[in-house]
Amino acid sequence: MNLDYLHTFREVAKWNSFTKAGEMLGYAQSSVTTQIKKLEEEFGVVLFERWGGKIKLTSAGVELLEYANKIVSLIDEAKQSLSEQTELAGSLSIGTIESVAGFYLPPYLQAFKQKY
């Protein structure tokens, strides 16, 4: 399943409009409709009741919306957690002789300290 479809589904549910969701996401209305149909096919349920140009979430749509919100939240949490792991942590050990440590290393250590 494409996660973009869940984002689209959430927007359609938010606005109760395929057209408005498309405008907000920068998609054509037909693309939004196609994505929702693909979700409906994947889950084997109807997500929106459609009548006279208006739409409303079905009970299956309400349930999927809860899951979609949780999934998007977990994805955001994972991105945040993993991006924090790219920061350095821990200790740095350097082995060298005294003359190198006293003469060559100080500017490198200062630059390292400022950066990290």
PDB file of N, CA and C in Angstrom:
ATOM      1  N   MET A   1       0.843  -1.183   0.000  1.00  0.00           N
ATOM      2  CA  MET A   1       0.000   0.000   0.000  1.00  0.00           C
ATOM      3  C   MET A   1       0.886   1.243   0.000  1.00  0.00           C
ATOM      4  N   ASN A   2       0.476   2.226  -0.719  1.00  0.00           N
ATOM      5  CA  ASN A   2       1.184   3.489  -0.808  1.00  0.00           C
ATOM      6  C   ASN A   2       0.713   4.392   0.336  1.00  0.00           C
ATOM      7  N   LEU A   3       1.654   4.872   1.145  1.00  0.00           N
ATOM      8  CA  LEU A   3       1.284   5.741   2.276  1.00  0.00           C
ATOM      9  C   LEU A   3       0.663   7.051   1.812  1.00  0.00           C
ATOM     10  N   ASP A   4       0.993   7.469   0.592  1.00  0.00           N
ATOM     11  CA  ASP A   4       0.381   8.694   0.065  1.00  0.00           C
ATOM     12  C   ASP A   4      -1.144   8.548  -0.007  1.00  0.00           C
ATOM     13  N   TYR A   5      -1.604   7.328  -0.251  1.00  0.00           N
ATOM     14  CA  TYR A   5      -3.049   7.100  -0.316  1.00  0.00           C
ATOM     15  C   TYR A   5      -3.703   7.390   1.032  1.00  0.00           C
ATOM     16  N   LEU A   6      -3.013   7.037   2.106  1.00  0.00           N
ATOM     17  CA  LEU A   6      -3.558   7.327   3.438  1.00  0.00           C
ATOM     18  C   LEU A   6      -3.591   8.830   3.702  1.00  0.00           C
ATOM     19  N   HIS A   7      -2.564   9.534   3.260  1.00  0.00           N
ATOM     20  CA  HIS A   7      -2.570  10.999   3.401  1.00  0.00           C
ATOM     21  C   HIS A   7      -3.741  11.601   2.616  1.00  0.00           C
ATOM     22  N   THR A   8      -3.932  11.102   1.420  1.00  0.00           N
ATOM     23  CA  THR A   8      -5.047  11.577   0.597  1.00  0.00           C
ATOM     24  C   THR A   8      -6.371  11.258   1.267  1.00  0.00           C
ATOM     25  N   PHE A   9      -6.507  10.041   1.762  1.00  0.00           N
ATOM     26  CA  PHE A   9      -7.730   9.632   2.455  1.00  0.00           C
ATOM     27  C   PHE A   9      -8.017  10.550   3.642  1.00  0.00           C
ATOM     28  N   ARG A  10      -6.997  10.871   4.406  1.00  0.00           N
ATOM     29  CA  ARG A  10      -7.182  11.760   5.566  1.00  0.00           C
ATOM     30  C   ARG A  10      -7.657  13.153   5.131  1.00  0.00           C
ATOM     31  N   GLU A  11      -7.102  13.647   4.031  1.00  0.00           N
ATOM     32  CA  GLU A  11      -7.523  14.968   3.539  1.00  0.00           C
ATOM     33  C   GLU A  11      -8.968  14.937   3.055  1.00  0.00           C
ATOM     34  N   VAL A  12      -9.334  13.888   2.339  1.00  0.00           N
ATOM     35  CA  VAL A  12     -10.718  13.778   1.865  1.00  0.00           C
ATOM     36  C   VAL A  12     -11.659  13.734   3.068  1.00  0.00           C
ATOM     37  N   ALA A  13     -11.295  12.949   4.081  1.00  0.00           N
ATOM     38  CA  ALA A  13     -12.126  12.858   5.278  1.00  0.00           C
ATOM     39  C   ALA A  13     -12.192  14.202   6.008  1.00  0.00           C
ATOM     40  N   LYS A  14     -11.089  14.915   6.014  1.00  0.00           N
ATOM     41  CA  LYS A  14     -11.039  16.218   6.691  1.00  0.00           C
ATOM     42  C   LYS A  14     -11.975  17.225   6.030  1.00  0.00           C
ATOM     43  N   TRP A  15     -11.953  17.267   4.710  1.00  0.00           N
ATOM     44  CA  TRP A  15     -12.708  18.272   3.973  1.00  0.00           C
ATOM     45  C   TRP A  15     -14.060  17.767   3.474  1.00  0.00           C
ATOM     46  N   ASN A  16     -14.302  16.451   3.573  1.00  0.00           N
ATOM     47  CA  ASN A  16     -15.518  15.859   3.002  1.00  0.00           C
ATOM     48  C   ASN A  16     -15.686  16.269   1.545  1.00  0.00           C
ATOM     49  N   SER A  17     -14.550  16.284   0.853  1.00  0.00           N
ATOM     50  CA  SER A  17     -14.566  16.709  -0.544  1.00  0.00           C
ATOM     51  C   SER A  17     -13.329  16.179  -1.261  1.00  0.00           C
ATOM     52  N   PHE A  18     -13.564  15.491  -2.368  1.00  0.00           N
ATOM     53  CA  PHE A  18     -12.452  15.021  -3.189  1.00  0.00           C
ATOM     54  C   PHE A  18     -11.755  16.211  -3.846  1.00  0.00           C
ATOM     55  N   THR A  19     -12.539  17.176  -4.293  1.00  0.00           N
ATOM     56  CA  THR A  19     -11.995  18.346  -4.982  1.00  0.00           C
ATOM     57  C   THR A  19     -11.134  19.181  -4.048  1.00  0.00           C
ATOM     58  N   LYS A  20     -11.637  19.485  -2.858  1.00  0.00           N
ATOM     59  CA  LYS A  20     -10.893  20.297  -1.889  1.00  0.00           C
ATOM     60  C   LYS A  20      -9.621  19.570  -1.455  1.00  0.00           C
ATOM     61  N   ALA A  21      -9.716  18.258  -1.228  1.00  0.00           N
ATOM     62  CA  ALA A  21      -8.532  17.482  -0.854  1.00  0.00           C
ATOM     63  C   ALA A  21      -7.489  17.550  -1.966  1.00  0.00           C
ATOM     64  N   GLY A  22      -7.938  17.441  -3.201  1.00  0.00           N
ATOM     65  CA  GLY A  22      -7.029  17.547  -4.333  1.00  0.00           C
ATOM     66  C   GLY A  22      -6.346  18.899  -4.390  1.00  0.00           C
ATOM     67  N   GLU A  23      -7.101  19.946  -4.151  1.00  0.00           N
ATOM     68  CA  GLU A  23      -6.537  21.301  -4.146  1.00  0.00           C
ATOM     69  C   GLU A  23      -5.483  21.437  -3.053  1.00  0.00           C
ATOM     70  N   MET A  24      -5.774  20.924  -1.877  1.00  0.00           N
ATOM     71  CA  MET A  24      -4.858  21.044  -0.747  1.00  0.00           C
ATOM     72  C   MET A  24      -3.579  20.230  -0.962  1.00  0.00           C
ATOM     73  N   LEU A  25      -3.704  19.113  -1.657  1.00  0.00           N
ATOM     74  CA  LEU A  25      -2.550  18.233  -1.879  1.00  0.00           C
ATOM     75  C   LEU A  25      -1.836  18.499  -3.198  1.00  0.00           C
ATOM     76  N   GLY A  26      -2.455  19.307  -4.045  1.00  0.00           N
ATOM     77  CA  GLY A  26      -1.861  19.590  -5.348  1.00  0.00           C
ATOM     78  C   GLY A  26      -2.113  18.484  -6.362  1.00  0.00           C
ATOM     79  N   TYR A  27      -3.203  17.729  -6.164  1.00  0.00           N
ATOM     80  CA  TYR A  27      -3.574  16.647  -7.075  1.00  0.00           C
ATOM     81  C   TYR A  27      -4.824  17.036  -7.849  1.00  0.00           C
ATOM     82  N   ALA A  28      -4.989  16.433  -9.003  1.00  0.00           N
ATOM     83  CA  ALA A  28      -6.254  16.569  -9.722  1.00  0.00           C
ATOM     84  C   ALA A  28      -7.308  15.762  -8.976  1.00  0.00           C
ATOM     85  N   GLN A  29      -8.548  16.188  -9.083  1.00  0.00           N
ATOM     86  CA  GLN A  29      -9.642  15.485  -8.404  1.00  0.00           C
ATOM     87  C   GLN A  29      -9.707  14.036  -8.851  1.00  0.00           C
ATOM     88  N   SER A  30      -9.431  13.780 -10.110  1.00  0.00           N
ATOM     89  CA  SER A  30      -9.469  12.406 -10.626  1.00  0.00           C
ATOM     90  C   SER A  30      -8.393  11.532  -9.970  1.00  0.00           C
ATOM     91  N   SER A  31      -7.256  12.120  -9.660  1.00  0.00           N
ATOM     92  CA  SER A  31      -6.190  11.382  -8.980  1.00  0.00           C
ATOM     93  C   SER A  31      -6.608  11.017  -7.557  1.00  0.00           C
ATOM     94  N   VAL A  32      -7.269  11.938  -6.890  1.00  0.00           N
ATOM     95  CA  VAL A  32      -7.767  11.681  -5.538  1.00  0.00           C
ATOM     96  C   VAL A  32      -8.787  10.545  -5.583  1.00  0.00           C
ATOM     97  N   THR A  33      -9.701  10.616  -6.527  1.00  0.00           N
ATOM     98  CA  THR A  33     -10.715   9.573  -6.674  1.00  0.00           C
ATOM     99  C   THR A  33     -10.066   8.211  -6.913  1.00  0.00           C
ATOM    100  N   THR A  34      -9.058   8.174  -7.771  1.00  0.00           N
ATOM    101  CA  THR A  34      -8.359   6.926  -8.075  1.00  0.00           C
ATOM    102  C   THR A  34      -7.687   6.362  -6.830  1.00  0.00           C
ATOM    103  N   GLN A  35      -7.040   7.221  -6.049  1.00  0.00           N
ATOM    104  CA  GLN A  35      -6.367   6.759  -4.834  1.00  0.00           C
ATOM    105  C   GLN A  35      -7.363   6.185  -3.830  1.00  0.00           C
ATOM    106  N   ILE A  36      -8.503   6.834  -3.681  1.00  0.00           N
ATOM    107  CA  ILE A  36      -9.519   6.347  -2.745  1.00  0.00           C
ATOM    108  C   ILE A  36     -10.080   5.014  -3.240  1.00  0.00           C
ATOM    109  N   LYS A  37     -10.307   4.912  -4.537  1.00  0.00           N
ATOM    110  CA  LYS A  37     -10.796   3.640  -5.092  1.00  0.00           C
ATOM    111  C   LYS A  37      -9.793   2.516  -4.858  1.00  0.00           C
ATOM    112  N   LYS A  38      -8.510   2.812  -4.986  1.00  0.00           N
ATOM    113  CA  LYS A  38      -7.487   1.795  -4.747  1.00  0.00           C
ATOM    114  C   LYS A  38      -7.492   1.359  -3.277  1.00  0.00           C
ATOM    115  N   LEU A  39      -7.673   2.297  -2.374  1.00  0.00           N
ATOM    116  CA  LEU A  39      -7.789   1.932  -0.962  1.00  0.00           C
ATOM    117  C   LEU A  39      -9.016   1.058  -0.726  1.00  0.00           C
ATOM    118  N   GLU A  40     -10.129   1.427  -1.331  1.00  0.00           N
ATOM    119  CA  GLU A  40     -11.358   0.647  -1.173  1.00  0.00           C
ATOM    120  C   GLU A  40     -11.162  -0.770  -1.723  1.00  0.00           C
ATOM    121  N   GLU A  41     -10.470  -0.884  -2.839  1.00  0.00           N
ATOM    122  CA  GLU A  41     -10.205  -2.205  -3.408  1.00  0.00           C
ATOM    123  C   GLU A  41      -9.279  -3.017  -2.500  1.00  0.00           C
ATOM    124  N   GLU A  42      -8.268  -2.354  -1.977  1.00  0.00           N
ATOM    125  CA  GLU A  42      -7.310  -3.055  -1.120  1.00  0.00           C
ATOM    126  C   GLU A  42      -7.970  -3.604   0.142  1.00  0.00           C
ATOM    127  N   PHE A  43      -8.839  -2.806   0.745  1.00  0.00           N
ATOM    128  CA  PHE A  43      -9.482  -3.224   1.987  1.00  0.00           C
ATOM    129  C   PHE A  43     -10.811  -3.949   1.754  1.00  0.00           C
ATOM    130  N   GLY A  44     -11.323  -3.857   0.554  1.00  0.00           N
ATOM    131  CA  GLY A  44     -12.574  -4.533   0.244  1.00  0.00           C
ATOM    132  C   GLY A  44     -13.790  -3.917   0.900  1.00  0.00           C
ATOM    133  N   VAL A  45     -13.737  -2.617   1.133  1.00  0.00           N
ATOM    134  CA  VAL A  45     -14.857  -1.902   1.764  1.00  0.00           C
ATOM    135  C   VAL A  45     -15.088  -0.578   1.045  1.00  0.00           C
ATOM    136  N   VAL A  46     -16.243  -0.021   1.254  1.00  0.00           N
ATOM    137  CA  VAL A  46     -16.551   1.330   0.763  1.00  0.00           C
ATOM    138  C   VAL A  46     -16.199   2.295   1.884  1.00  0.00           C
ATOM    139  N   LEU A  47     -15.389   3.300   1.577  1.00  0.00           N
ATOM    140  CA  LEU A  47     -14.927   4.231   2.603  1.00  0.00           C
ATOM    141  C   LEU A  47     -15.791   5.481   2.715  1.00  0.00           C
ATOM    142  N   PHE A  48     -16.434   5.855   1.605  1.00  0.00           N
ATOM    143  CA  PHE A  48     -17.271   7.052   1.593  1.00  0.00           C
ATOM    144  C   PHE A  48     -18.622   6.739   0.981  1.00  0.00           C
ATOM    145  N   GLU A  49     -19.659   7.272   1.600  1.00  0.00           N
ATOM    146  CA  GLU A  49     -20.984   7.258   0.977  1.00  0.00           C
ATOM    147  C   GLU A  49     -21.021   8.462   0.057  1.00  0.00           C
ATOM    148  N   ARG A  50     -21.444   8.244  -1.170  1.00  0.00           N
ATOM    149  CA  ARG A  50     -21.491   9.327  -2.151  1.00  0.00           C
ATOM    150  C   ARG A  50     -22.923   9.511  -2.604  1.00  0.00           C
ATOM    151  N   TRP A  51     -23.412  10.724  -2.521  1.00  0.00           N
ATOM    152  CA  TRP A  51     -24.739  11.026  -3.026  1.00  0.00           C
ATOM    153  C   TRP A  51     -24.831  12.502  -3.355  1.00  0.00           C
ATOM    154  N   GLY A  52     -25.293  12.771  -4.540  1.00  0.00           N
ATOM    155  CA  GLY A  52     -25.525  14.146  -4.991  1.00  0.00           C
ATOM    156  C   GLY A  52     -24.353  15.083  -4.818  1.00  0.00           C
ATOM    157  N   GLY A  53     -23.161  14.645  -5.104  1.00  0.00           N
ATOM    158  CA  GLY A  53     -21.994  15.528  -4.988  1.00  0.00           C
ATOM    159  C   GLY A  53     -21.485  15.681  -3.571  1.00  0.00           C
ATOM    160  N   LYS A  54     -22.119  15.025  -2.620  1.00  0.00           N
ATOM    161  CA  LYS A  54     -21.669  15.101  -1.233  1.00  0.00           C
ATOM    162  C   LYS A  54     -21.115  13.741  -0.826  1.00  0.00           C
ATOM    163  N   ILE A  55     -20.211  13.763   0.137  1.00  0.00           N
ATOM    164  CA  ILE A  55     -19.657  12.506   0.624  1.00  0.00           C
ATOM    165  C   ILE A  55     -19.651  12.501   2.145  1.00  0.00           C
ATOM    166  N   LYS A  56     -19.654  11.288   2.683  1.00  0.00           N
ATOM    167  CA  LYS A  56     -19.604  11.112   4.133  1.00  0.00           C
ATOM    168  C   LYS A  56     -18.887   9.793   4.396  1.00  0.00           C
ATOM    169  N   LEU A  57     -18.064   9.754   5.434  1.00  0.00           N
ATOM    170  CA  LEU A  57     -17.380   8.518   5.787  1.00  0.00           C
ATOM    171  C   LEU A  57     -18.384   7.434   6.175  1.00  0.00           C
ATOM    172  N   THR A  58     -18.125   6.221   5.713  1.00  0.00           N
ATOM    173  CA  THR A  58     -18.902   5.077   6.175  1.00  0.00           C
ATOM    174  C   THR A  58     -18.306   4.635   7.520  1.00  0.00           C
ATOM    175  N   SER A  59     -18.909   3.643   8.144  1.00  0.00           N
ATOM    176  CA  SER A  59     -18.349   3.153   9.406  1.00  0.00           C
ATOM    177  C   SER A  59     -16.955   2.567   9.164  1.00  0.00           C
ATOM    178  N   ALA A  60     -16.760   1.910   8.026  1.00  0.00           N
ATOM    179  CA  ALA A  60     -15.428   1.394   7.678  1.00  0.00           C
ATOM    180  C   ALA A  60     -14.453   2.556   7.468  1.00  0.00           C
ATOM    181  N   GLY A  61     -14.942   3.634   6.875  1.00  0.00           N
ATOM    182  CA  GLY A  61     -14.104   4.811   6.665  1.00  0.00           C
ATOM    183  C   GLY A  61     -13.686   5.452   7.972  1.00  0.00           C
ATOM    184  N   VAL A  62     -14.613   5.503   8.921  1.00  0.00           N
ATOM    185  CA  VAL A  62     -14.295   6.057  10.244  1.00  0.00           C
ATOM    186  C   VAL A  62     -13.215   5.206  10.908  1.00  0.00           C
ATOM    187  N   GLU A  63     -13.363   3.889  10.799  1.00  0.00           N
ATOM    188  CA  GLU A  63     -12.385   2.984  11.403  1.00  0.00           C
ATOM    189  C   GLU A  63     -11.018   3.125  10.732  1.00  0.00           C
ATOM    190  N   LEU A  64     -11.001   3.189   9.395  1.00  0.00           N
ATOM    191  CA  LEU A  64      -9.728   3.352   8.695  1.00  0.00           C
ATOM    192  C   LEU A  64      -9.087   4.691   9.033  1.00  0.00           C
ATOM    193  N   LEU A  65      -9.888   5.720   9.206  1.00  0.00           N
ATOM    194  CA  LEU A  65      -9.344   7.032   9.554  1.00  0.00           C
ATOM    195  C   LEU A  65      -8.586   6.965  10.879  1.00  0.00           C
ATOM    196  N   GLU A  66      -9.127   6.226  11.840  1.00  0.00           N
ATOM    197  CA  GLU A  66      -8.426   6.074  13.123  1.00  0.00           C
ATOM    198  C   GLU A  66      -7.076   5.388  12.913  1.00  0.00           C
ATOM    199  N   TYR A  67      -7.078   4.312  12.119  1.00  0.00           N
ATOM    200  CA  TYR A  67      -5.823   3.615  11.832  1.00  0.00           C
ATOM    201  C   TYR A  67      -4.864   4.501  11.037  1.00  0.00           C
ATOM    202  N   ALA A  68      -5.386   5.217  10.069  1.00  0.00           N
ATOM    203  CA  ALA A  68      -4.541   6.090   9.242  1.00  0.00           C
ATOM    204  C   ALA A  68      -3.867   7.147  10.106  1.00  0.00           C
ATOM    205  N   ASN A  69      -4.610   7.722  11.040  1.00  0.00           N
ATOM    206  CA  ASN A  69      -4.029   8.720  11.941  1.00  0.00           C
ATOM    207  C   ASN A  69      -2.916   8.105  12.782  1.00  0.00           C
ATOM    208  N   LYS A  70      -3.140   6.888  13.278  1.00  0.00           N
ATOM    209  CA  LYS A  70      -2.112   6.208  14.073  1.00  0.00           C
ATOM    210  C   LYS A  70      -0.885   5.890  13.224  1.00  0.00           C
ATOM    211  N   ILE A  71      -1.107   5.415  12.011  1.00  0.00           N
ATOM    212  CA  ILE A  71       0.005   5.057  11.122  1.00  0.00           C
ATOM    213  C   ILE A  71       0.843   6.285  10.797  1.00  0.00           C
ATOM    214  N   VAL A  72       0.186   7.378  10.431  1.00  0.00           N
ATOM    215  CA  VAL A  72       0.910   8.606  10.092  1.00  0.00           C
ATOM    216  C   VAL A  72       1.663   9.120  11.316  1.00  0.00           C
ATOM    217  N   SER A  73       1.038   9.026  12.478  1.00  0.00           N
ATOM    218  CA  SER A  73       1.696   9.450  13.709  1.00  0.00           C
ATOM    219  C   SER A  73       2.935   8.603  13.993  1.00  0.00           C
ATOM    220  N   LEU A  74       2.816   7.296  13.807  1.00  0.00           N
ATOM    221  CA  LEU A  74       3.961   6.409  14.028  1.00  0.00           C
ATOM    222  C   LEU A  74       5.080   6.662  13.023  1.00  0.00           C
ATOM    223  N   ILE A  75       4.716   6.941  11.786  1.00  0.00           N
ATOM    224  CA  ILE A  75       5.728   7.254  10.764  1.00  0.00           C
ATOM    225  C   ILE A  75       6.473   8.533  11.154  1.00  0.00           C
ATOM    226  N   ASP A  76       5.719   9.555  11.576  1.00  0.00           N
ATOM    227  CA  ASP A  76       6.341  10.810  11.999  1.00  0.00           C
ATOM    228  C   ASP A  76       7.258  10.588  13.207  1.00  0.00           C
ATOM    229  N   GLU A  77       6.793   9.764  14.148  1.00  0.00           N
ATOM    230  CA  GLU A  77       7.587   9.452  15.331  1.00  0.00           C
ATOM    231  C   GLU A  77       8.874   8.722  14.939  1.00  0.00           C
ATOM    232  N   ALA A  78       8.770   7.779  14.029  1.00  0.00           N
ATOM    233  CA  ALA A  78       9.942   7.038  13.567  1.00  0.00           C
ATOM    234  C   ALA A  78      10.942   7.967  12.876  1.00  0.00           C
ATOM    235  N   LYS A  79      10.438   8.851  12.030  1.00  0.00           N
ATOM    236  CA  LYS A  79      11.319   9.804  11.350  1.00  0.00           C
ATOM    237  C   LYS A  79      12.058  10.665  12.364  1.00  0.00           C
ATOM    238  N   GLN A  80      11.324  11.142  13.363  1.00  0.00           N
ATOM    239  CA  GLN A  80      11.926  11.989  14.400  1.00  0.00           C
ATOM    240  C   GLN A  80      12.988  11.207  15.177  1.00  0.00           C
ATOM    241  N   SER A  81      12.652  10.000  15.584  1.00  0.00           N
ATOM    242  CA  SER A  81      13.576   9.177  16.361  1.00  0.00           C
ATOM    243  C   SER A  81      14.833   8.847  15.568  1.00  0.00           C
ATOM    244  N   LEU A  82      14.655   8.479  14.318  1.00  0.00           N
ATOM    245  CA  LEU A  82      15.807   8.110  13.499  1.00  0.00           C
ATOM    246  C   LEU A  82      16.665   9.311  13.151  1.00  0.00           C
ATOM    247  N   SER A  83      16.050  10.472  12.972  1.00  0.00           N
ATOM    248  CA  SER A  83      16.847  11.661  12.660  1.00  0.00           C
ATOM    249  C   SER A  83      17.664  12.084  13.877  1.00  0.00           C
ATOM    250  N   GLU A  84      17.162  11.804  15.082  1.00  0.00           N
ATOM    251  CA  GLU A  84      17.911  12.121  16.298  1.00  0.00           C
ATOM    252  C   GLU A  84      19.119  11.211  16.437  1.00  0.00           C
ATOM    253  N   GLN A  85      19.046  10.013  15.882  1.00  0.00           N
ATOM    254  CA  GLN A  85      20.151   9.071  15.984  1.00  0.00           C
ATOM    255  C   GLN A  85      21.345   9.484  15.136  1.00  0.00           C
ATOM    256  N   THR A  86      21.128  10.390  14.195  1.00  0.00           N
ATOM    257  CA  THR A  86      22.234  10.832  13.358  1.00  0.00           C
ATOM    258  C   THR A  86      23.144  11.800  14.110  1.00  0.00           C
ATOM    259  N   GLU A  87      22.673  12.290  15.253  1.00  0.00           N
ATOM    260  CA  GLU A  87      23.508  13.164  16.062  1.00  0.00           C
ATOM    261  C   GLU A  87      24.505  12.308  16.833  1.00  0.00           C
ATOM    262  N   LEU A  88      25.697  12.842  17.022  1.00  0.00           N
ATOM    263  CA  LEU A  88      26.723  12.097  17.734  1.00  0.00           C
ATOM    264  C   LEU A  88      26.428  12.074  19.226  1.00  0.00           C
ATOM    265  N   ALA A  89      26.766  10.973  19.830  1.00  0.00           N
ATOM    266  CA  ALA A  89      26.614  10.838  21.272  1.00  0.00           C
ATOM    267  C   ALA A  89      27.703   9.903  21.768  1.00  0.00           C
ATOM    268  N   GLY A  90      28.080  10.055  23.003  1.00  0.00           N
ATOM    269  CA  GLY A  90      29.073   9.163  23.573  1.00  0.00           C
ATOM    270  C   GLY A  90      30.395   9.866  23.768  1.00  0.00           C
ATOM    271  N   SER A  91      31.431   9.076  23.889  1.00  0.00           N
ATOM    272  CA  SER A  91      32.754   9.645  24.140  1.00  0.00           C
ATOM    273  C   SER A  91      33.665   9.417  22.938  1.00  0.00           C
ATOM    274  N   LEU A  92      34.694  10.222  22.869  1.00  0.00           N
ATOM    275  CA  LEU A  92      35.675  10.146  21.788  1.00  0.00           C
ATOM    276  C   LEU A  92      37.024   9.836  22.407  1.00  0.00           C
ATOM    277  N   SER A  93      37.656   8.799  21.934  1.00  0.00           N
ATOM    278  CA  SER A  93      38.995   8.428  22.412  1.00  0.00           C
ATOM    279  C   SER A  93      39.983   8.581  21.270  1.00  0.00           C
ATOM    280  N   ILE A  94      41.090   9.248  21.564  1.00  0.00           N
ATOM    281  CA  ILE A  94      42.129   9.464  20.558  1.00  0.00           C
ATOM    282  C   ILE A  94      43.456   8.973  21.145  1.00  0.00           C
ATOM    283  N   GLY A  95      44.131   8.150  20.399  1.00  0.00           N
ATOM    284  CA  GLY A  95      45.449   7.689  20.825  1.00  0.00           C
ATOM    285  C   GLY A  95      46.519   8.352  19.978  1.00  0.00           C
ATOM    286  N   THR A  96      47.463   9.016  20.627  1.00  0.00           N
ATOM    287  CA  THR A  96      48.529   9.698  19.899  1.00  0.00           C
ATOM    288  C   THR A  96      49.719   9.906  20.815  1.00  0.00           C
ATOM    289  N   ILE A  97      50.800  10.379  20.251  1.00  0.00           N
ATOM    290  CA  ILE A  97      51.951  10.713  21.078  1.00  0.00           C
ATOM    291  C   ILE A  97      51.800  12.151  21.558  1.00  0.00           C
ATOM    292  N   GLU A  98      52.490  12.482  22.628  1.00  0.00           N
ATOM    293  CA  GLU A  98      52.314  13.774  23.300  1.00  0.00           C
ATOM    294  C   GLU A  98      52.607  14.967  22.398  1.00  0.00           C
ATOM    295  N   SER A  99      53.628  14.897  21.580  1.00  0.00           N
ATOM    296  CA  SER A  99      53.972  16.042  20.733  1.00  0.00           C
ATOM    297  C   SER A  99      52.883  16.325  19.701  1.00  0.00           C
ATOM    298  N   VAL A 100      52.295  15.286  19.145  1.00  0.00           N
ATOM    299  CA  VAL A 100      51.195  15.467  18.191  1.00  0.00           C
ATOM    300  C   VAL A 100      49.980  16.016  18.922  1.00  0.00           C
ATOM    301  N   ALA A 101      49.676  15.463  20.092  1.00  0.00           N
ATOM    302  CA  ALA A 101      48.518  15.902  20.863  1.00  0.00           C
ATOM    303  C   ALA A 101      48.630  17.371  21.244  1.00  0.00           C
ATOM    304  N   GLY A 102      49.805  17.813  21.592  1.00  0.00           N
ATOM    305  CA  GLY A 102      49.988  19.196  22.032  1.00  0.00           C
ATOM    306  C   GLY A 102      50.063  20.196  20.898  1.00  0.00           C
ATOM    307  N   PHE A 103      50.503  19.765  19.713  1.00  0.00           N
ATOM    308  CA  PHE A 103      50.730  20.716  18.632  1.00  0.00           C
ATOM    309  C   PHE A 103      49.673  20.648  17.535  1.00  0.00           C
ATOM    310  N   TYR A 104      49.328  19.458  17.073  1.00  0.00           N
ATOM    311  CA  TYR A 104      48.450  19.314  15.915  1.00  0.00           C
ATOM    312  C   TYR A 104      46.961  19.190  16.258  1.00  0.00           C
ATOM    313  N   LEU A 105      46.652  18.554  17.354  1.00  0.00           N
ATOM    314  CA  LEU A 105      45.251  18.239  17.641  1.00  0.00           C
ATOM    315  C   LEU A 105      44.372  19.403  18.125  1.00  0.00           C
ATOM    316  N   PRO A 106      44.893  20.381  18.879  1.00  0.00           N
ATOM    317  CA  PRO A 106      43.990  21.406  19.432  1.00  0.00           C
ATOM    318  C   PRO A 106      43.049  22.078  18.432  1.00  0.00           C
ATOM    319  N   PRO A 107      43.478  22.520  17.250  1.00  0.00           N
ATOM    320  CA  PRO A 107      42.508  23.155  16.352  1.00  0.00           C
ATOM    321  C   PRO A 107      41.431  22.185  15.863  1.00  0.00           C
ATOM    322  N   TYR A 108      41.810  20.927  15.662  1.00  0.00           N
ATOM    323  CA  TYR A 108      40.833  19.923  15.228  1.00  0.00           C
ATOM    324  C   TYR A 108      39.825  19.617  16.338  1.00  0.00           C
ATOM    325  N   LEU A 109      40.319  19.527  17.549  1.00  0.00           N
ATOM    326  CA  LEU A 109      39.429  19.251  18.688  1.00  0.00           C
ATOM    327  C   LEU A 109      38.483  20.431  18.938  1.00  0.00           C
ATOM    328  N   GLN A 110      38.975  21.651  18.794  1.00  0.00           N
ATOM    329  CA  GLN A 110      38.110  22.828  18.959  1.00  0.00           C
ATOM    330  C   GLN A 110      37.028  22.856  17.887  1.00  0.00           C
ATOM    331  N   ALA A 111      37.410  22.572  16.661  1.00  0.00           N
ATOM    332  CA  ALA A 111      36.418  22.559  15.565  1.00  0.00           C
ATOM    333  C   ALA A 111      35.388  21.458  15.805  1.00  0.00           C
ATOM    334  N   PHE A 112      35.839  20.293  16.250  1.00  0.00           N
ATOM    335  CA  PHE A 112      34.938  19.184  16.554  1.00  0.00           C
ATOM    336  C   PHE A 112      33.970  19.567  17.669  1.00  0.00           C
ATOM    337  N   LYS A 113      34.485  20.191  18.702  1.00  0.00           N
ATOM    338  CA  LYS A 113      33.667  20.595  19.856  1.00  0.00           C
ATOM    339  C   LYS A 113      32.616  21.612  19.437  1.00  0.00           C
ATOM    340  N   GLN A 114      32.990  22.574  18.614  1.00  0.00           N
ATOM    341  CA  GLN A 114      32.038  23.574  18.156  1.00  0.00           C
ATOM    342  C   GLN A 114      30.954  22.970  17.275  1.00  0.00           C
ATOM    343  N   LYS A 115      31.351  22.041  16.435  1.00  0.00           N
ATOM    344  CA  LYS A 115      30.389  21.436  15.507  1.00  0.00           C
ATOM    345  C   LYS A 115      29.430  20.487  16.222  1.00  0.00           C
ATOM    346  N   TYR A 116      29.951  19.739  17.199  1.00  0.00           N
ATOM    347  CA  TYR A 116      29.137  18.719  17.843  1.00  0.00           C
ATOM    348  C   TYR A 116      28.891  19.025  19.306  1.00  0.00           C
TER     349      TYR A 116
END
